[in-house]
Amino acid sequence: MINYTIANGLADDDVNAISIDAQGIKWFGTMSGLSRYDGTKWTTYTKSDGLTDDHIWSIAIDSQGNKWIGTASGVSEFDGTHWTTYLSGKWVTAVAIDAQGNKWFGLRGSRVIGVSKFDGTNWTNYNTTNGLACDSVSSIVIDAQGNKWFGTDNGVSEFDGTQWTTYLNVIVITHIAIDAQGYLWFATMGSRLDGTNGGVYKLNGTVLTNYNKSNTNNGLNNDWVSALAIDSQNNKWFGTTGGDISKFTGSAWTNYTPVDDNISAIAIDSQENKWIATTSSGIFELIN
């Protein structure tokens, strides 16, 4: 694996988010700003450039290539030249964009709203009074039918635009992904009450299957799963707080040399290389 750190040009070795744009350029959200890497050159953007806060937690890219950057003090939209700030003062930990171009933001912390939807003009807020499982949101994905899935500190909420359905009540969700069959995969840190029942869950319709270190035959080595991605071959990639990296084909597990650090995010590029973010060791690239 190749390791990229401050010494290479990364803004900070504490990285929370990765997004890859249509040109294959990598965007890394760090605790000291936004880093852009085109394979050769590193460029960093901070508050002095127009970013609303240097502590970045999430990144999404819309169909026009604009970056939507969730920070500890709001959202910054970056079109490559100009910066626009939304949700000023809010801690935005998740961003997703639906087929209609609506932006969905997940929030957490003492200034929590829950979820905010922005259609370009109007804002709509959702929280536990509407049906959301918890007002601290860590992950958002949108399925092929347009249903929104929110990972929270108290389970997963599905929203079809009218009805809310909650799964895995009291389980802390870190990431959500959807595979080629449309199955939902939830990376978890276990119960918020006692840390048990962690690992990864697959949702097939209404059937939940749990994979953890005790039932995966040398698969998951740690039940605190902090990162999740799915490649073009429908393999699932999991990263844990202990630095473990596991690939699951659906029937067989492969473990890779741990990075000896908390893994916060995984992204996969068009060459199937895995980009692995950590909270103190920068970025690792696992070459396909």
C-alpha atoms as a PDB file:
ATOM      1  CA  MET A   1       0.000   0.000   0.000  1.00  0.00           C
ATOM      2  CA  ILE A   2       1.039   3.559  -0.697  1.00  0.00           C
ATOM      3  CA  ASN A   3       0.751   5.999   2.181  1.00  0.00           C
ATOM      4  CA  TYR A   4       0.062   9.707   1.569  1.00  0.00           C
ATOM      5  CA  THR A   5       0.560  12.145   4.435  1.00  0.00           C
ATOM      6  CA  ILE A   6       1.253  15.789   5.163  1.00  0.00           C
ATOM      7  CA  ALA A   7       4.736  15.176   3.809  1.00  0.00           C
ATOM      8  CA  ASN A   8       3.252  14.453   0.365  1.00  0.00           C
ATOM      9  CA  GLY A   9       0.887  17.432   0.362  1.00  0.00           C
ATOM     10  CA  LEU A  10      -2.185  16.225   2.252  1.00  0.00           C
ATOM     11  CA  ALA A  11      -3.627  19.010   4.424  1.00  0.00           C
ATOM     12  CA  ASP A  12      -3.772  16.874   7.573  1.00  0.00           C
ATOM     13  CA  ASP A  13      -3.158  13.243   8.516  1.00  0.00           C
ATOM     14  CA  ASP A  14      -6.591  13.166  10.186  1.00  0.00           C
ATOM     15  CA  VAL A  15      -8.960  12.434   7.281  1.00  0.00           C
ATOM     16  CA  ASN A  16     -12.726  11.943   7.601  1.00  0.00           C
ATOM     17  CA  ALA A  17     -14.069  11.842   4.047  1.00  0.00           C
ATOM     18  CA  ILE A  18     -13.127  10.886   0.480  1.00  0.00           C
ATOM     19  CA  SER A  19     -14.920  11.598  -2.782  1.00  0.00           C
ATOM     20  CA  ILE A  20     -13.758  10.910  -6.346  1.00  0.00           C
ATOM     21  CA  ASP A  21     -15.042  13.077  -9.187  1.00  0.00           C
ATOM     22  CA  ALA A  22     -15.846  12.193 -12.806  1.00  0.00           C
ATOM     23  CA  GLN A  23     -12.284  13.013 -13.860  1.00  0.00           C
ATOM     24  CA  GLY A  24     -10.837  10.649 -11.263  1.00  0.00           C
ATOM     25  CA  ILE A  25      -9.588  13.474  -9.051  1.00  0.00           C
ATOM     26  CA  LYS A  26      -9.603  12.594  -5.355  1.00  0.00           C
ATOM     27  CA  TRP A  27     -11.008  14.995  -2.778  1.00  0.00           C
ATOM     28  CA  PHE A  28     -10.085  14.446   0.852  1.00  0.00           C
ATOM     29  CA  GLY A  29     -11.836  16.075   3.773  1.00  0.00           C
ATOM     30  CA  THR A  30      -9.399  16.561   6.631  1.00  0.00           C
ATOM     31  CA  MET A  31      -9.307  18.337   9.970  1.00  0.00           C
ATOM     32  CA  SER A  32      -7.247  21.117   8.371  1.00  0.00           C
ATOM     33  CA  GLY A  33      -9.064  21.713   5.114  1.00  0.00           C
ATOM     34  CA  LEU A  34      -9.969  20.150   1.771  1.00  0.00           C
ATOM     35  CA  SER A  35      -7.229  18.440  -0.264  1.00  0.00           C
ATOM     36  CA  ARG A  36      -7.441  17.805  -4.002  1.00  0.00           C
ATOM     37  CA  TYR A  37      -5.148  15.205  -5.606  1.00  0.00           C
ATOM     38  CA  ASP A  38      -5.008  14.698  -9.374  1.00  0.00           C
ATOM     39  CA  GLY A  39      -2.438  11.906  -9.249  1.00  0.00           C
ATOM     40  CA  THR A  40       0.492  14.299  -9.390  1.00  0.00           C
ATOM     41  CA  LYS A  41      -0.344  17.581  -7.754  1.00  0.00           C
ATOM     42  CA  TRP A  42      -1.841  18.348  -4.363  1.00  0.00           C
ATOM     43  CA  THR A  43      -3.961  21.453  -3.749  1.00  0.00           C
ATOM     44  CA  THR A  44      -5.434  22.410  -0.386  1.00  0.00           C
ATOM     45  CA  TYR A  45      -8.369  24.717   0.295  1.00  0.00           C
ATOM     46  CA  THR A  46      -9.060  26.256   3.706  1.00  0.00           C
ATOM     47  CA  LYS A  47     -11.128  29.007   5.297  1.00  0.00           C
ATOM     48  CA  SER A  48      -8.791  31.550   3.739  1.00  0.00           C
ATOM     49  CA  ASP A  49     -10.014  30.367   0.315  1.00  0.00           C
ATOM     50  CA  GLY A  50     -13.706  30.461   1.218  1.00  0.00           C
ATOM     51  CA  LEU A  51     -14.350  27.143   2.976  1.00  0.00           C
ATOM     52  CA  THR A  52     -16.718  27.724   5.888  1.00  0.00           C
ATOM     53  CA  ASP A  53     -14.672  25.589   8.319  1.00  0.00           C
ATOM     54  CA  ASP A  54     -11.444  23.598   8.071  1.00  0.00           C
ATOM     55  CA  HIS A  55     -12.882  20.605   9.956  1.00  0.00           C
ATOM     56  CA  ILE A  56     -14.441  18.521   7.170  1.00  0.00           C
ATOM     57  CA  TRP A  57     -16.705  15.509   7.779  1.00  0.00           C
ATOM     58  CA  SER A  58     -18.392  14.711   4.458  1.00  0.00           C
ATOM     59  CA  ILE A  59     -18.169  15.390   0.715  1.00  0.00           C
ATOM     60  CA  ALA A  60     -20.605  14.807  -2.159  1.00  0.00           C
ATOM     61  CA  ILE A  61     -20.312  15.823  -5.825  1.00  0.00           C
ATOM     62  CA  ASP A  62     -23.354  16.817  -7.889  1.00  0.00           C
ATOM     63  CA  SER A  63     -24.035  16.221 -11.591  1.00  0.00           C
ATOM     64  CA  GLN A  64     -22.425  19.567 -12.486  1.00  0.00           C
ATOM     65  CA  GLY A  65     -19.253  18.629 -10.632  1.00  0.00           C
ATOM     66  CA  ASN A  66     -19.886  21.014  -7.738  1.00  0.00           C
ATOM     67  CA  LYS A  67     -18.512  19.814  -4.410  1.00  0.00           C
ATOM     68  CA  TRP A  68     -20.772  19.926  -1.373  1.00  0.00           C
ATOM     69  CA  ILE A  69     -18.603  19.855   1.708  1.00  0.00           C
ATOM     70  CA  GLY A  70     -20.013  19.177   5.145  1.00  0.00           C
ATOM     71  CA  THR A  71     -17.997  20.805   7.914  1.00  0.00           C
ATOM     72  CA  ALA A  72     -18.170  21.441  11.649  1.00  0.00           C
ATOM     73  CA  SER A  73     -19.746  24.848  10.899  1.00  0.00           C
ATOM     74  CA  GLY A  74     -21.973  24.368   7.889  1.00  0.00           C
ATOM     75  CA  VAL A  75     -21.878  23.307   4.241  1.00  0.00           C
ATOM     76  CA  SER A  76     -19.669  24.817   1.563  1.00  0.00           C
ATOM     77  CA  GLU A  77     -20.572  24.485  -2.095  1.00  0.00           C
ATOM     78  CA  PHE A  78     -17.513  24.796  -4.350  1.00  0.00           C
ATOM     79  CA  ASP A  79     -17.938  25.133  -8.119  1.00  0.00           C
ATOM     80  CA  GLY A  80     -14.202  25.222  -8.784  1.00  0.00           C
ATOM     81  CA  THR A  81     -14.010  28.984  -8.379  1.00  0.00           C
ATOM     82  CA  HIS A  82     -16.669  30.259  -6.018  1.00  0.00           C
ATOM     83  CA  TRP A  83     -17.691  29.190  -2.521  1.00  0.00           C
ATOM     84  CA  THR A  84     -21.210  29.395  -1.080  1.00  0.00           C
ATOM     85  CA  THR A  85     -22.079  28.614   2.536  1.00  0.00           C
ATOM     86  CA  TYR A  86     -25.278  27.016   3.829  1.00  0.00           C
ATOM     87  CA  LEU A  87     -26.377  25.833   7.280  1.00  0.00           C
ATOM     88  CA  SER A  88     -23.879  28.132   8.925  1.00  0.00           C
ATOM     89  CA  GLY A  89     -22.939  27.002  12.406  1.00  0.00           C
ATOM     90  CA  LYS A  90     -24.263  23.443  11.951  1.00  0.00           C
ATOM     91  CA  TRP A  91     -22.130  20.305  12.223  1.00  0.00           C
ATOM     92  CA  VAL A  92     -22.806  18.492   8.937  1.00  0.00           C
ATOM     93  CA  THR A  93     -21.619  14.882   8.965  1.00  0.00           C
ATOM     94  CA  ALA A  94     -23.362  13.458   5.884  1.00  0.00           C
ATOM     95  CA  VAL A  95     -24.264  14.731   2.409  1.00  0.00           C
ATOM     96  CA  ALA A  96     -26.156  12.970  -0.400  1.00  0.00           C
ATOM     97  CA  ILE A  97     -27.742  14.159  -3.645  1.00  0.00           C
ATOM     98  CA  ASP A  98     -30.858  12.598  -5.137  1.00  0.00           C
ATOM     99  CA  ALA A  99     -31.862  12.128  -8.776  1.00  0.00           C
ATOM    100  CA  GLN A 100     -33.754  15.429  -8.771  1.00  0.00           C
ATOM    101  CA  GLY A 101     -30.676  17.291  -7.539  1.00  0.00           C
ATOM    102  CA  ASN A 102     -31.980  17.815  -4.021  1.00  0.00           C
ATOM    103  CA  LYS A 103     -29.261  17.933  -1.398  1.00  0.00           C
ATOM    104  CA  TRP A 104     -29.746  15.973   1.816  1.00  0.00           C
ATOM    105  CA  PHE A 105     -27.655  16.883   4.834  1.00  0.00           C
ATOM    106  CA  GLY A 106     -27.252  14.876   8.012  1.00  0.00           C
ATOM    107  CA  LEU A 107     -26.387  16.766  11.174  1.00  0.00           C
ATOM    108  CA  ARG A 108     -25.304  15.938  14.705  1.00  0.00           C
ATOM    109  CA  GLY A 109     -24.033  17.519  17.915  1.00  0.00           C
ATOM    110  CA  SER A 110     -25.572  20.020  20.303  1.00  0.00           C
ATOM    111  CA  ARG A 111     -26.974  22.105  17.418  1.00  0.00           C
ATOM    112  CA  VAL A 112     -28.736  19.179  15.805  1.00  0.00           C
ATOM    113  CA  ILE A 113     -31.653  19.411  13.405  1.00  0.00           C
ATOM    114  CA  GLY A 114     -31.493  15.804  12.180  1.00  0.00           C
ATOM    115  CA  VAL A 115     -31.816  15.995   8.391  1.00  0.00           C
ATOM    116  CA  SER A 116     -32.145  19.032   6.136  1.00  0.00           C
ATOM    117  CA  LYS A 117     -33.242  18.848   2.498  1.00  0.00           C
ATOM    118  CA  PHE A 118     -32.361  21.694   0.116  1.00  0.00           C
ATOM    119  CA  ASP A 119     -34.017  21.889  -3.302  1.00  0.00           C
ATOM    120  CA  GLY A 120     -31.986  24.894  -4.419  1.00  0.00           C
ATOM    121  CA  THR A 121     -34.462  27.364  -2.962  1.00  0.00           C
ATOM    122  CA  ASN A 122     -36.348  25.855  -0.065  1.00  0.00           C
ATOM    123  CA  TRP A 123     -35.272  23.990   3.043  1.00  0.00           C
ATOM    124  CA  THR A 124     -37.182  21.152   4.707  1.00  0.00           C
ATOM    125  CA  ASN A 125     -36.110  19.741   8.070  1.00  0.00           C
ATOM    126  CA  TYR A 126     -36.794  16.303   9.496  1.00  0.00           C
ATOM    127  CA  ASN A 127     -36.118  14.996  12.984  1.00  0.00           C
ATOM    128  CA  THR A 128     -37.377  12.465  15.510  1.00  0.00           C
ATOM    129  CA  THR A 129     -40.772  14.166  15.667  1.00  0.00           C
ATOM    130  CA  ASN A 130     -41.242  13.277  11.978  1.00  0.00           C
ATOM    131  CA  GLY A 131     -40.059   9.675  12.335  1.00  0.00           C
ATOM    132  CA  LEU A 132     -36.274   9.830  12.102  1.00  0.00           C
ATOM    133  CA  ALA A 133     -34.714   7.290  14.488  1.00  0.00           C
ATOM    134  CA  CYS A 134     -32.265   9.783  15.974  1.00  0.00           C
ATOM    135  CA  ASP A 135     -31.263  13.394  15.387  1.00  0.00           C
ATOM    136  CA  SER A 136     -27.559  12.491  15.127  1.00  0.00           C
ATOM    137  CA  VAL A 137     -27.029  11.349  11.530  1.00  0.00           C
ATOM    138  CA  SER A 138     -23.790   9.791  10.279  1.00  0.00           C
ATOM    139  CA  SER A 139     -24.598   8.522   6.785  1.00  0.00           C
ATOM    140  CA  ILE A 140     -27.109   9.017   3.955  1.00  0.00           C
ATOM    141  CA  VAL A 141     -27.667   6.939   0.814  1.00  0.00           C
ATOM    142  CA  ILE A 142     -30.448   7.009  -1.770  1.00  0.00           C
ATOM    143  CA  ASP A 143     -31.657   3.821  -3.446  1.00  0.00           C
ATOM    144  CA  ALA A 144     -32.837   3.211  -7.020  1.00  0.00           C
ATOM    145  CA  GLN A 145     -36.440   3.901  -6.029  1.00  0.00           C
ATOM    146  CA  GLY A 146     -35.504   7.245  -4.516  1.00  0.00           C
ATOM    147  CA  ASN A 147     -35.926   6.127  -0.917  1.00  0.00           C
ATOM    148  CA  LYS A 148     -33.586   7.847   1.515  1.00  0.00           C
ATOM    149  CA  TRP A 149     -31.676   5.814   4.102  1.00  0.00           C
ATOM    150  CA  PHE A 150     -30.252   7.569   7.133  1.00  0.00           C
ATOM    151  CA  GLY A 151     -27.698   6.002   9.438  1.00  0.00           C
ATOM    152  CA  THR A 152     -27.966   7.383  12.950  1.00  0.00           C
ATOM    153  CA  ASP A 153     -26.746   6.779  16.480  1.00  0.00           C
ATOM    154  CA  ASN A 154     -29.975   4.878  17.110  1.00  0.00           C
ATOM    155  CA  GLY A 155     -30.440   2.715  14.031  1.00  0.00           C
ATOM    156  CA  VAL A 156     -31.332   3.183  10.360  1.00  0.00           C
ATOM    157  CA  SER A 157     -34.329   5.124   9.080  1.00  0.00           C
ATOM    158  CA  GLU A 158     -35.810   4.634   5.618  1.00  0.00           C
ATOM    159  CA  PHE A 159     -37.890   7.511   4.231  1.00  0.00           C
ATOM    160  CA  ASP A 160     -39.966   7.009   1.071  1.00  0.00           C
ATOM    161  CA  GLY A 161     -41.116  10.621   0.979  1.00  0.00           C
ATOM    162  CA  THR A 162     -44.118   9.932   3.194  1.00  0.00           C
ATOM    163  CA  GLN A 163     -43.496   7.028   5.542  1.00  0.00           C
ATOM    164  CA  TRP A 164     -40.612   6.326   7.909  1.00  0.00           C
ATOM    165  CA  THR A 165     -39.356   2.840   8.791  1.00  0.00           C
ATOM    166  CA  THR A 166     -36.625   2.165  11.328  1.00  0.00           C
ATOM    167  CA  TYR A 167     -34.290  -0.832  11.490  1.00  0.00           C
ATOM    168  CA  LEU A 168     -31.634  -1.859  14.016  1.00  0.00           C
ATOM    169  CA  ASN A 169     -32.982   0.250  16.841  1.00  0.00           C
ATOM    170  CA  VAL A 170     -30.260   1.291  19.356  1.00  0.00           C
ATOM    171  CA  ILE A 171     -27.441   0.205  16.989  1.00  0.00           C
ATOM    172  CA  VAL A 172     -24.904   2.938  16.165  1.00  0.00           C
ATOM    173  CA  ILE A 173     -24.535   3.185  12.371  1.00  0.00           C
ATOM    174  CA  THR A 174     -21.349   4.566  10.829  1.00  0.00           C
ATOM    175  CA  HIS A 175     -21.830   3.988   7.081  1.00  0.00           C
ATOM    176  CA  ILE A 176     -24.437   2.707   4.621  1.00  0.00           C
ATOM    177  CA  ALA A 177     -23.939   1.349   1.090  1.00  0.00           C
ATOM    178  CA  ILE A 178     -26.164  -0.306  -1.531  1.00  0.00           C
ATOM    179  CA  ASP A 179     -24.893  -3.257  -3.568  1.00  0.00           C
ATOM    180  CA  ALA A 180     -25.611  -4.384  -7.134  1.00  0.00           C
ATOM    181  CA  GLN A 181     -28.620  -6.435  -5.992  1.00  0.00           C
ATOM    182  CA  GLY A 182     -30.088  -3.454  -4.162  1.00  0.00           C
ATOM    183  CA  TYR A 183     -29.284  -4.914  -0.739  1.00  0.00           C
ATOM    184  CA  LEU A 184     -28.483  -2.419   1.995  1.00  0.00           C
ATOM    185  CA  TRP A 185     -25.260  -2.817   3.991  1.00  0.00           C
ATOM    186  CA  PHE A 186     -24.835  -1.142   7.350  1.00  0.00           C
ATOM    187  CA  ALA A 187     -21.486  -0.704   9.081  1.00  0.00           C
ATOM    188  CA  THR A 188     -21.972  -0.410  12.829  1.00  0.00           C
ATOM    189  CA  MET A 189     -20.295   0.208  16.167  1.00  0.00           C
ATOM    190  CA  GLY A 190     -22.759  -2.008  18.004  1.00  0.00           C
ATOM    191  CA  SER A 191     -25.400  -1.071  20.536  1.00  0.00           C
ATOM    192  CA  ARG A 192     -25.208   2.435  21.954  1.00  0.00           C
ATOM    193  CA  LEU A 193     -26.173   0.847  25.279  1.00  0.00           C
ATOM    194  CA  ASP A 194     -23.367  -1.700  25.675  1.00  0.00           C
ATOM    195  CA  GLY A 195     -21.443  -1.993  22.400  1.00  0.00           C
ATOM    196  CA  THR A 196     -22.755  -5.489  21.612  1.00  0.00           C
ATOM    197  CA  ASN A 197     -24.307  -6.702  18.333  1.00  0.00           C
ATOM    198  CA  GLY A 198     -21.817  -4.840  16.190  1.00  0.00           C
ATOM    199  CA  GLY A 199     -20.193  -5.747  12.887  1.00  0.00           C
ATOM    200  CA  VAL A 200     -21.989  -5.418   9.564  1.00  0.00           C
ATOM    201  CA  TYR A 201     -25.625  -5.985   8.662  1.00  0.00           C
ATOM    202  CA  LYS A 202     -27.151  -6.798   5.279  1.00  0.00           C
ATOM    203  CA  LEU A 203     -30.807  -5.932   4.660  1.00  0.00           C
ATOM    204  CA  ASN A 204     -32.543  -7.961   1.952  1.00  0.00           C
ATOM    205  CA  GLY A 205     -36.109  -6.739   1.884  1.00  0.00           C
ATOM    206  CA  THR A 206     -37.055  -7.190   5.512  1.00  0.00           C
ATOM    207  CA  VAL A 207     -34.434  -9.851   6.320  1.00  0.00           C
ATOM    208  CA  LEU A 208     -31.391  -8.713   8.296  1.00  0.00           C
ATOM    209  CA  THR A 209     -28.178 -10.752   8.333  1.00  0.00           C
ATOM    210  CA  ASN A 210     -25.386  -9.907  10.760  1.00  0.00           C
ATOM    211  CA  TYR A 211     -21.702 -10.527  10.050  1.00  0.00           C
ATOM    212  CA  ASN A 212     -19.327 -10.193  12.982  1.00  0.00           C
ATOM    213  CA  LYS A 213     -15.974 -11.494  14.168  1.00  0.00           C
ATOM    214  CA  SER A 214     -17.535 -14.551  15.785  1.00  0.00           C
ATOM    215  CA  ASN A 215     -19.435 -15.792  12.730  1.00  0.00           C
ATOM    216  CA  THR A 216     -17.403 -14.853   9.658  1.00  0.00           C
ATOM    217  CA  ASN A 217     -14.762 -17.608   9.735  1.00  0.00           C
ATOM    218  CA  ASN A 218     -11.759 -15.311  10.057  1.00  0.00           C
ATOM    219  CA  GLY A 219     -13.493 -12.507   8.210  1.00  0.00           C
ATOM    220  CA  LEU A 220     -14.151  -9.455  10.350  1.00  0.00           C
ATOM    221  CA  ASN A 221     -11.475  -9.073  13.013  1.00  0.00           C
ATOM    222  CA  ASN A 222     -13.208  -6.209  14.796  1.00  0.00           C
ATOM    223  CA  ASP A 223     -16.918  -5.575  15.369  1.00  0.00           C
ATOM    224  CA  TRP A 224     -16.463  -1.805  15.353  1.00  0.00           C
ATOM    225  CA  VAL A 225     -16.771  -1.198  11.622  1.00  0.00           C
ATOM    226  CA  SER A 226     -16.062   2.410  10.741  1.00  0.00           C
ATOM    227  CA  ALA A 227     -15.882   2.358   6.924  1.00  0.00           C
ATOM    228  CA  LEU A 228     -17.673   0.617   4.068  1.00  0.00           C
ATOM    229  CA  ALA A 229     -17.485   0.621   0.263  1.00  0.00           C
ATOM    230  CA  ILE A 230     -18.623  -1.656  -2.577  1.00  0.00           C
ATOM    231  CA  ASP A 231     -16.569  -2.190  -5.739  1.00  0.00           C
ATOM    232  CA  SER A 232     -17.685  -2.779  -9.326  1.00  0.00           C
ATOM    233  CA  GLN A 233     -17.540  -6.557  -8.810  1.00  0.00           C
ATOM    234  CA  ASN A 234     -19.985  -6.207  -5.907  1.00  0.00           C
ATOM    235  CA  ASN A 235     -17.315  -7.048  -3.334  1.00  0.00           C
ATOM    236  CA  LYS A 236     -17.795  -5.358   0.017  1.00  0.00           C
ATOM    237  CA  TRP A 237     -14.859  -3.627   1.686  1.00  0.00           C
ATOM    238  CA  PHE A 238     -14.870  -2.963   5.418  1.00  0.00           C
ATOM    239  CA  GLY A 239     -12.531  -0.896   7.582  1.00  0.00           C
ATOM    240  CA  THR A 240     -12.536  -0.942  11.367  1.00  0.00           C
ATOM    241  CA  THR A 241     -11.455   1.199  14.277  1.00  0.00           C
ATOM    242  CA  GLY A 242      -8.545  -1.211  14.734  1.00  0.00           C
ATOM    243  CA  GLY A 243      -7.234  -0.607  11.218  1.00  0.00           C
ATOM    244  CA  ASP A 244      -8.424  -3.948   9.816  1.00  0.00           C
ATOM    245  CA  ILE A 245      -9.334  -4.141   6.123  1.00  0.00           C
ATOM    246  CA  SER A 246     -11.573  -6.980   4.942  1.00  0.00           C
ATOM    247  CA  LYS A 247     -13.051  -7.867   1.554  1.00  0.00           C
ATOM    248  CA  PHE A 248     -16.212  -9.974   1.393  1.00  0.00           C
ATOM    249  CA  THR A 249     -17.316 -11.497  -1.926  1.00  0.00           C
ATOM    250  CA  GLY A 250     -20.598 -12.713  -0.506  1.00  0.00           C
ATOM    251  CA  SER A 251     -19.142 -16.122   0.291  1.00  0.00           C
ATOM    252  CA  ALA A 252     -15.435 -15.678   1.030  1.00  0.00           C
ATOM    253  CA  TRP A 253     -13.410 -13.244   3.140  1.00  0.00           C
ATOM    254  CA  THR A 254      -9.957 -11.805   2.473  1.00  0.00           C
ATOM    255  CA  ASN A 255      -8.083  -9.821   5.104  1.00  0.00           C
ATOM    256  CA  TYR A 256      -5.354  -7.322   4.306  1.00  0.00           C
ATOM    257  CA  THR A 257      -2.485  -6.047   6.392  1.00  0.00           C
ATOM    258  CA  PRO A 258      -3.975  -3.651   8.944  1.00  0.00           C
ATOM    259  CA  VAL A 259      -2.975   0.005   8.716  1.00  0.00           C
ATOM    260  CA  ASP A 260      -2.648   0.230  12.524  1.00  0.00           C
ATOM    261  CA  ASP A 261      -4.990   3.197  12.752  1.00  0.00           C
ATOM    262  CA  ASN A 262      -8.684   3.973  12.873  1.00  0.00           C
ATOM    263  CA  ILE A 263     -10.155   3.775   9.360  1.00  0.00           C
ATOM    264  CA  SER A 264     -12.713   6.507   8.754  1.00  0.00           C
ATOM    265  CA  ALA A 265     -13.633   6.098   5.067  1.00  0.00           C
ATOM    266  CA  ILE A 266     -13.004   3.966   1.979  1.00  0.00           C
ATOM    267  CA  ALA A 267     -13.491   5.037  -1.653  1.00  0.00           C
ATOM    268  CA  ILE A 268     -12.826   3.033  -4.828  1.00  0.00           C
ATOM    269  CA  ASP A 269     -11.644   4.610  -8.075  1.00  0.00           C
ATOM    270  CA  SER A 270     -12.314   3.559 -11.680  1.00  0.00           C
ATOM    271  CA  GLN A 271      -9.192   1.362 -11.667  1.00  0.00           C
ATOM    272  CA  GLU A 272     -10.553  -0.439  -8.595  1.00  0.00           C
ATOM    273  CA  ASN A 273      -7.832   0.992  -6.368  1.00  0.00           C
ATOM    274  CA  LYS A 274      -8.996   1.440  -2.791  1.00  0.00           C
ATOM    275  CA  TRP A 275      -8.396   4.763  -1.051  1.00  0.00           C
ATOM    276  CA  ILE A 276      -8.444   4.356   2.701  1.00  0.00           C
ATOM    277  CA  ALA A 277      -8.733   7.327   5.069  1.00  0.00           C
ATOM    278  CA  THR A 278      -7.414   7.192   8.628  1.00  0.00           C
ATOM    279  CA  THR A 279      -7.624   9.500  11.598  1.00  0.00           C
ATOM    280  CA  SER A 280      -3.895   9.966  12.193  1.00  0.00           C
ATOM    281  CA  SER A 281      -1.917   8.308   9.393  1.00  0.00           C
ATOM    282  CA  GLY A 282      -3.269  10.052   6.314  1.00  0.00           C
ATOM    283  CA  ILE A 283      -4.409   8.140   3.248  1.00  0.00           C
ATOM    284  CA  PHE A 284      -3.493   4.635   2.105  1.00  0.00           C
ATOM    285  CA  GLU A 285      -3.920   3.503  -1.484  1.00  0.00           C
ATOM    286  CA  LEU A 286      -4.403  -0.232  -1.965  1.00  0.00           C
ATOM    287  CA  ILE A 287      -3.516  -0.946  -5.597  1.00  0.00           C
ATOM    288  CA  ASN A 288      -5.852  -3.354  -7.356  1.00  0.00           C
END
